[in-house]
C-alpha atoms as a PDB file:
ATOM      1  CA  MET A   1     -23.578  51.433  45.109  1.00  0.00           C
ATOM      2  CA  SER A   2     -21.966  48.915  47.201  1.00  0.00           C
ATOM      3  CA  ALA A   3     -18.288  48.227  46.924  1.00  0.00           C
ATOM      4  CA  ARG A   4     -17.136  44.763  46.076  1.00  0.00           C
ATOM      5  CA  PRO A   5     -15.759  42.723  48.875  1.00  0.00           C
ATOM      6  CA  PRO A   6     -11.955  42.487  48.901  1.00  0.00           C
ATOM      7  CA  PHE A   7     -12.002  38.781  47.970  1.00  0.00           C
ATOM      8  CA  GLN A   8     -13.932  39.394  44.766  1.00  0.00           C
ATOM      9  CA  ARG A   9     -11.569  42.159  43.680  1.00  0.00           C
ATOM     10  CA  ARG A  10      -8.560  39.980  44.318  1.00  0.00           C
ATOM     11  CA  PHE A  11     -10.138  37.081  42.403  1.00  0.00           C
ATOM     12  CA  TRP A  12     -10.626  39.072  39.190  1.00  0.00           C
ATOM     13  CA  ARG A  13      -7.120  40.552  39.317  1.00  0.00           C
ATOM     14  CA  ASP A  14      -5.357  37.279  40.097  1.00  0.00           C
ATOM     15  CA  ARG A  15      -3.512  35.871  37.013  1.00  0.00           C
ATOM     16  CA  ARG A  16      -1.841  32.828  38.552  1.00  0.00           C
ATOM     17  CA  GLY A  17      -4.129  30.204  36.974  1.00  0.00           C
ATOM     18  CA  VAL A  18      -4.303  31.673  33.464  1.00  0.00           C
ATOM     19  CA  SER A  19      -1.580  29.425  32.064  1.00  0.00           C
ATOM     20  CA  ALA A  20      -3.225  26.306  33.444  1.00  0.00           C
ATOM     21  CA  VAL A  21      -6.583  27.246  31.946  1.00  0.00           C
ATOM     22  CA  GLU A  22      -5.020  28.043  28.558  1.00  0.00           C
ATOM     23  CA  PHE A  23      -3.163  24.740  28.589  1.00  0.00           C
ATOM     24  CA  ALA A  24      -6.372  22.868  29.476  1.00  0.00           C
ATOM     25  CA  LEU A  25      -8.077  24.451  26.462  1.00  0.00           C
ATOM     26  CA  ILE A  26      -5.237  23.897  23.973  1.00  0.00           C
ATOM     27  CA  ALA A  27      -3.940  20.471  25.114  1.00  0.00           C
ATOM     28  CA  PRO A  28      -6.760  18.341  23.581  1.00  0.00           C
ATOM     29  CA  VAL A  29      -6.276  20.041  20.215  1.00  0.00           C
ATOM     30  CA  LEU A  30      -2.512  19.480  20.345  1.00  0.00           C
ATOM     31  CA  ILE A  31      -2.933  15.825  21.351  1.00  0.00           C
ATOM     32  CA  LEU A  32      -5.407  15.270  18.508  1.00  0.00           C
ATOM     33  CA  LEU A  33      -3.019  16.951  16.073  1.00  0.00           C
ATOM     34  CA  TYR A  34      -0.077  14.858  17.289  1.00  0.00           C
ATOM     35  CA  CYS A  35      -1.972  11.561  17.083  1.00  0.00           C
ATOM     36  CA  GLY A  36      -3.387  12.492  13.685  1.00  0.00           C
ATOM     37  CA  MET A  37       0.057  13.234  12.294  1.00  0.00           C
ATOM     38  CA  ALA A  38       1.378   9.962  13.712  1.00  0.00           C
ATOM     39  CA  GLU A  39      -1.489   8.015  12.119  1.00  0.00           C
ATOM     40  CA  MET A  40      -1.101   9.710   8.749  1.00  0.00           C
ATOM     41  CA  THR A  41       2.659   9.166   8.766  1.00  0.00           C
ATOM     42  CA  GLN A  42       2.207   5.463   9.480  1.00  0.00           C
ATOM     43  CA  ALA A  43      -0.378   5.186   6.692  1.00  0.00           C
ATOM     44  CA  MET A  44       1.989   6.903   4.247  1.00  0.00           C
ATOM     45  CA  MET A  45       4.792   4.541   5.258  1.00  0.00           C
ATOM     46  CA  ALA A  46       2.542   1.526   4.635  1.00  0.00           C
ATOM     47  CA  GLN A  47       1.567   2.932   1.235  1.00  0.00           C
ATOM     48  CA  ARG A  48       5.209   3.453   0.254  1.00  0.00           C
ATOM     49  CA  ARG A  49       6.142  -0.036   1.388  1.00  0.00           C
ATOM     50  CA  LEU A  50       3.344  -1.402  -0.779  1.00  0.00           C
ATOM     51  CA  SER A  51       4.757   0.509  -3.765  1.00  0.00           C
ATOM     52  CA  ASN A  52       8.197  -0.969  -3.029  1.00  0.00           C
ATOM     53  CA  ILE A  53       6.710  -4.456  -2.798  1.00  0.00           C
ATOM     54  CA  THR A  54       4.944  -4.090  -6.141  1.00  0.00           C
ATOM     55  CA  SER A  55       8.135  -2.877  -7.786  1.00  0.00           C
ATOM     56  CA  SER A  56      10.265  -5.594  -6.203  1.00  0.00           C
ATOM     57  CA  ILE A  57       8.070  -8.585  -7.003  1.00  0.00           C
ATOM     58  CA  GLY A  58       7.632  -7.397 -10.578  1.00  0.00           C
ATOM     59  CA  ASP A  59      11.335  -6.697 -11.010  1.00  0.00           C
ATOM     60  CA  LEU A  60      12.415 -10.045  -9.572  1.00  0.00           C
ATOM     61  CA  THR A  61      10.052 -11.826 -11.949  1.00  0.00           C
ATOM     62  CA  ALA A  62      11.065  -9.733 -14.985  1.00  0.00           C
ATOM     63  CA  GLN A  63      14.761 -10.568 -14.434  1.00  0.00           C
ATOM     64  CA  ALA A  64      14.210 -14.310 -14.890  1.00  0.00           C
ATOM     65  CA  SER A  65      13.738 -16.173 -18.147  1.00  0.00           C
ATOM     66  CA  GLN A  66      11.262 -18.542 -16.490  1.00  0.00           C
ATOM     67  CA  THR A  67       9.514 -18.834 -13.168  1.00  0.00           C
ATOM     68  CA  GLY A  68       7.372 -21.318 -11.290  1.00  0.00           C
ATOM     69  CA  PRO A  69       5.631 -22.045  -8.005  1.00  0.00           C
ATOM     70  CA  ALA A  70       8.772 -22.349  -5.869  1.00  0.00           C
ATOM     71  CA  ARG A  71      10.304 -19.144  -7.211  1.00  0.00           C
ATOM     72  CA  MET A  72       7.012 -17.257  -6.815  1.00  0.00           C
ATOM     73  CA  THR A  73       6.724 -18.435  -3.200  1.00  0.00           C
ATOM     74  CA  ASP A  74      10.187 -17.010  -2.552  1.00  0.00           C
ATOM     75  CA  ILE A  75       9.278 -13.737  -4.283  1.00  0.00           C
ATOM     76  CA  PHE A  76       6.082 -13.402  -2.229  1.00  0.00           C
ATOM     77  CA  ASN A  77       8.071 -14.106   0.955  1.00  0.00           C
ATOM     78  CA  ILE A  78      10.417 -11.264  -0.018  1.00  0.00           C
ATOM     79  CA  GLY A  79       7.379  -9.014  -0.435  1.00  0.00           C
ATOM     80  CA  ALA A  80       6.184  -9.900   3.058  1.00  0.00           C
ATOM     81  CA  ILE A  81       9.628  -9.130   4.471  1.00  0.00           C
ATOM     82  CA  ILE A  82       9.616  -5.701   2.813  1.00  0.00           C
ATOM     83  CA  MET A  83       6.295  -4.905   4.515  1.00  0.00           C
ATOM     84  CA  ALA A  84       7.829  -5.306   7.996  1.00  0.00           C
ATOM     85  CA  PRO A  85       7.201  -3.963  10.643  1.00  0.00           C
ATOM     86  CA  PHE A  86       3.594  -3.698   9.459  1.00  0.00           C
ATOM     87  CA  PRO A  87       1.407  -6.804   9.864  1.00  0.00           C
ATOM     88  CA  THR A  88       1.214  -8.879   6.681  1.00  0.00           C
ATOM     89  CA  ALA A  89      -2.103 -10.658   7.239  1.00  0.00           C
ATOM     90  CA  SER A  90      -3.906  -8.319   4.834  1.00  0.00           C
ATOM     91  CA  LEU A  91      -1.098  -8.171   2.238  1.00  0.00           C
ATOM     92  CA  LYS A  92      -2.058  -9.643  -1.136  1.00  0.00           C
ATOM     93  CA  MET A  93       0.314  -9.910  -4.104  1.00  0.00           C
ATOM     94  CA  CYS A  94      -0.107 -11.031  -7.684  1.00  0.00           C
ATOM     95  CA  VAL A  95       2.284 -11.484 -10.601  1.00  0.00           C
ATOM     96  CA  ALA A  96       1.167 -12.279 -14.144  1.00  0.00           C
ATOM     97  CA  SER A  97       2.654 -12.404 -17.620  1.00  0.00           C
ATOM     98  CA  VAL A  98       0.572 -10.519 -20.185  1.00  0.00           C
ATOM     99  CA  VAL A  99       1.233 -11.217 -23.863  1.00  0.00           C
ATOM    100  CA  SER A 100      -0.051  -9.124 -26.753  1.00  0.00           C
ATOM    101  CA  ASP A 101      -0.707 -10.712 -30.144  1.00  0.00           C
ATOM    102  CA  ALA A 102      -0.326  -9.096 -33.589  1.00  0.00           C
ATOM    103  CA  SER A 103      -3.766  -7.501 -33.365  1.00  0.00           C
ATOM    104  CA  GLY A 104      -3.015  -5.969 -29.944  1.00  0.00           C
ATOM    105  CA  LYS A 105      -5.191  -8.356 -27.915  1.00  0.00           C
ATOM    106  CA  ASP A 106      -3.681  -8.637 -24.419  1.00  0.00           C
ATOM    107  CA  THR A 107      -3.971 -12.123 -22.902  1.00  0.00           C
ATOM    108  CA  VAL A 108      -2.710 -13.435 -19.556  1.00  0.00           C
ATOM    109  CA  ALA A 109      -0.183 -16.224 -20.265  1.00  0.00           C
ATOM    110  CA  TRP A 110       0.153 -17.201 -16.597  1.00  0.00           C
ATOM    111  CA  SER A 111      -0.793 -15.737 -13.252  1.00  0.00           C
ATOM    112  CA  GLN A 112       0.149 -16.424  -9.653  1.00  0.00           C
ATOM    113  CA  ALA A 113      -1.347 -14.869  -6.509  1.00  0.00           C
ATOM    114  CA  SER A 114       0.069 -14.963  -2.990  1.00  0.00           C
ATOM    115  CA  VAL A 115      -3.379 -15.748  -1.567  1.00  0.00           C
ATOM    116  CA  GLY A 116      -6.321 -17.476  -3.140  1.00  0.00           C
ATOM    117  CA  ASP A 117      -8.908 -14.754  -2.559  1.00  0.00           C
ATOM    118  CA  MET A 118      -7.175 -11.907  -4.404  1.00  0.00           C
ATOM    119  CA  THR A 119     -10.001 -10.544  -6.529  1.00  0.00           C
ATOM    120  CA  ASN A 120      -8.003  -8.244  -8.819  1.00  0.00           C
ATOM    121  CA  CYS A 121      -5.494 -10.892  -9.918  1.00  0.00           C
ATOM    122  CA  PRO A 122      -6.237 -11.860 -13.530  1.00  0.00           C
ATOM    123  CA  THR A 123      -6.621 -15.535 -14.310  1.00  0.00           C
ATOM    124  CA  GLN A 124      -4.724 -17.441 -16.987  1.00  0.00           C
ATOM    125  CA  GLY A 125      -6.296 -16.911 -20.403  1.00  0.00           C
ATOM    126  CA  ALA A 126      -8.148 -13.753 -19.385  1.00  0.00           C
ATOM    127  CA  VAL A 127      -8.189 -10.912 -21.904  1.00  0.00           C
ATOM    128  CA  LEU A 128      -7.155  -7.594 -20.369  1.00  0.00           C
ATOM    129  CA  THR A 129      -8.467  -4.340 -21.753  1.00  0.00           C
ATOM    130  CA  ASP A 130      -6.908  -1.915 -19.282  1.00  0.00           C
ATOM    131  CA  VAL A 131      -3.239  -2.255 -20.321  1.00  0.00           C
ATOM    132  CA  PRO A 132      -2.149   0.955 -22.082  1.00  0.00           C
ATOM    133  CA  ASP A 133      -0.835   0.525 -25.649  1.00  0.00           C
ATOM    134  CA  ALA A 134       2.307   2.479 -24.774  1.00  0.00           C
ATOM    135  CA  VAL A 135       3.080  -0.100 -22.072  1.00  0.00           C
ATOM    136  CA  LEU A 136       2.328  -3.196 -24.129  1.00  0.00           C
ATOM    137  CA  PRO A 137       2.653  -2.832 -27.906  1.00  0.00           C
ATOM    138  CA  ALA A 138       1.602  -5.620 -30.279  1.00  0.00           C
ATOM    139  CA  ASN A 139       3.694  -8.838 -30.242  1.00  0.00           C
ATOM    140  CA  LYS A 140       5.329  -7.994 -26.886  1.00  0.00           C
ATOM    141  CA  SER A 141       4.883  -9.088 -23.295  1.00  0.00           C
ATOM    142  CA  VAL A 142       5.007  -7.468 -19.870  1.00  0.00           C
ATOM    143  CA  ILE A 143       5.026  -8.624 -16.285  1.00  0.00           C
ATOM    144  CA  LEU A 144       2.035  -7.326 -14.367  1.00  0.00           C
ATOM    145  CA  ALA A 145       2.666  -6.914 -10.634  1.00  0.00           C
ATOM    146  CA  ARG A 146      -0.184  -6.045  -8.303  1.00  0.00           C
ATOM    147  CA  ALA A 147      -0.294  -5.652  -4.569  1.00  0.00           C
ATOM    148  CA  ALA A 148      -3.056  -4.695  -2.153  1.00  0.00           C
ATOM    149  CA  TYR A 149      -2.858  -3.900   1.545  1.00  0.00           C
ATOM    150  CA  VAL A 150      -5.482  -3.028   4.133  1.00  0.00           C
ATOM    151  CA  TYR A 151      -3.984  -0.619   6.652  1.00  0.00           C
ATOM    152  CA  SER A 152      -5.596  -0.387  10.082  1.00  0.00           C
ATOM    153  CA  SER A 153      -4.292   2.342  12.335  1.00  0.00           C
ATOM    154  CA  PRO A 154      -3.189   1.184  15.787  1.00  0.00           C
ATOM    155  CA  ILE A 155      -4.471   4.427  17.360  1.00  0.00           C
ATOM    156  CA  GLN A 156      -7.719   4.789  15.353  1.00  0.00           C
ATOM    157  CA  LEU A 157      -8.284   8.330  16.576  1.00  0.00           C
ATOM    158  CA  VAL A 158      -8.158  10.141  13.234  1.00  0.00           C
ATOM    159  CA  LEU A 159      -8.371   7.046  10.962  1.00  0.00           C
ATOM    160  CA  PRO A 160     -11.080   4.910  12.607  1.00  0.00           C
ATOM    161  CA  ARG A 161     -11.696   2.799   9.474  1.00  0.00           C
ATOM    162  CA  PRO A 162      -9.112   0.727   7.601  1.00  0.00           C
ATOM    163  CA  LEU A 163      -7.624   2.141   4.393  1.00  0.00           C
ATOM    164  CA  THR A 164      -7.103  -0.095   1.357  1.00  0.00           C
ATOM    165  CA  PHE A 165      -4.077   0.610  -0.813  1.00  0.00           C
ATOM    166  CA  ASN A 166      -3.691  -0.894  -4.308  1.00  0.00           C
ATOM    167  CA  ARG A 167      -0.704  -0.707  -6.624  1.00  0.00           C
ATOM    168  CA  THR A 168      -0.226  -1.988 -10.186  1.00  0.00           C
ATOM    169  CA  LEU A 169       3.056  -1.960 -12.079  1.00  0.00           C
ATOM    170  CA  TYR A 170       4.065  -3.178 -15.544  1.00  0.00           C
ATOM    171  CA  LEU A 171       7.642  -4.269 -16.291  1.00  0.00           C
ATOM    172  CA  ARG A 172       9.168  -5.584 -19.485  1.00  0.00           C
ATOM    173  CA  PRO A 173      11.077  -8.874 -19.273  1.00  0.00           C
ATOM    174  CA  ARG A 174      14.808  -8.223 -19.288  1.00  0.00           C
ATOM    175  CA  ARG A 175      16.458 -11.346 -20.695  1.00  0.00           C
ATOM    176  CA  VAL A 176      13.756 -12.848 -22.904  1.00  0.00           C
ATOM    177  CA  ASP A 177      10.743 -11.706 -24.876  1.00  0.00           C
ATOM    178  CA  ALA A 178       8.355 -13.369 -22.415  1.00  0.00           C
ATOM    179  CA  VAL A 179       8.909 -14.909 -18.980  1.00  0.00           C
ATOM    180  CA  LEU A 180       7.726 -18.523 -19.181  1.00  0.00           C
ATOM    181  CA  TRP A 181       5.945 -20.517 -16.476  1.00  0.00           C
ATOM    182  CA  SER A 182       7.603 -23.797 -15.519  1.00  0.00           C
ATOM    183  CA  VAL A 183       6.256 -26.106 -12.828  1.00  0.00           C
ATOM    184  CA  ALA A 184       9.851 -27.214 -12.124  1.00  0.00           C
ATOM    185  CA  SER A 185      11.028 -23.671 -11.245  1.00  0.00           C
END
């Protein structure tokens, strides 16, 4: 048996580079974890802001006795301000008044969308079947507020594809039985 040369024995006993090797193995995992948590936190913040927008635009509409194009433009501008600092290009908002008749048929009295291509905004005269009876009993009305937002992560490490958030909220008018649409408002 031949004895190992002194260099080889010293190499296997030397522990000076162990920390650097361990760090090199663990660092990518820690960086991925950090970026992933940052992306998820930003996505959750965007989702919460969208919930606040839906609540705010519905509440502002439900407080009035009548509304119109100018007032709705102001309400949608408020919604865009709430979304800051997130980009608002993909933010879509919709407010509608839904009226139930004596038989419980829910019909859209008026509807206004912040952008023209909002697909889930009901049109005037449409009959809705998805409004729960507990929310809208017969001979009553509610304000339907909807908002949608497409969130794209700036890092795109853990969330490479955009996420679409949707919120729907029903509010009862506060001062009147039904909020009316007026072109002059």
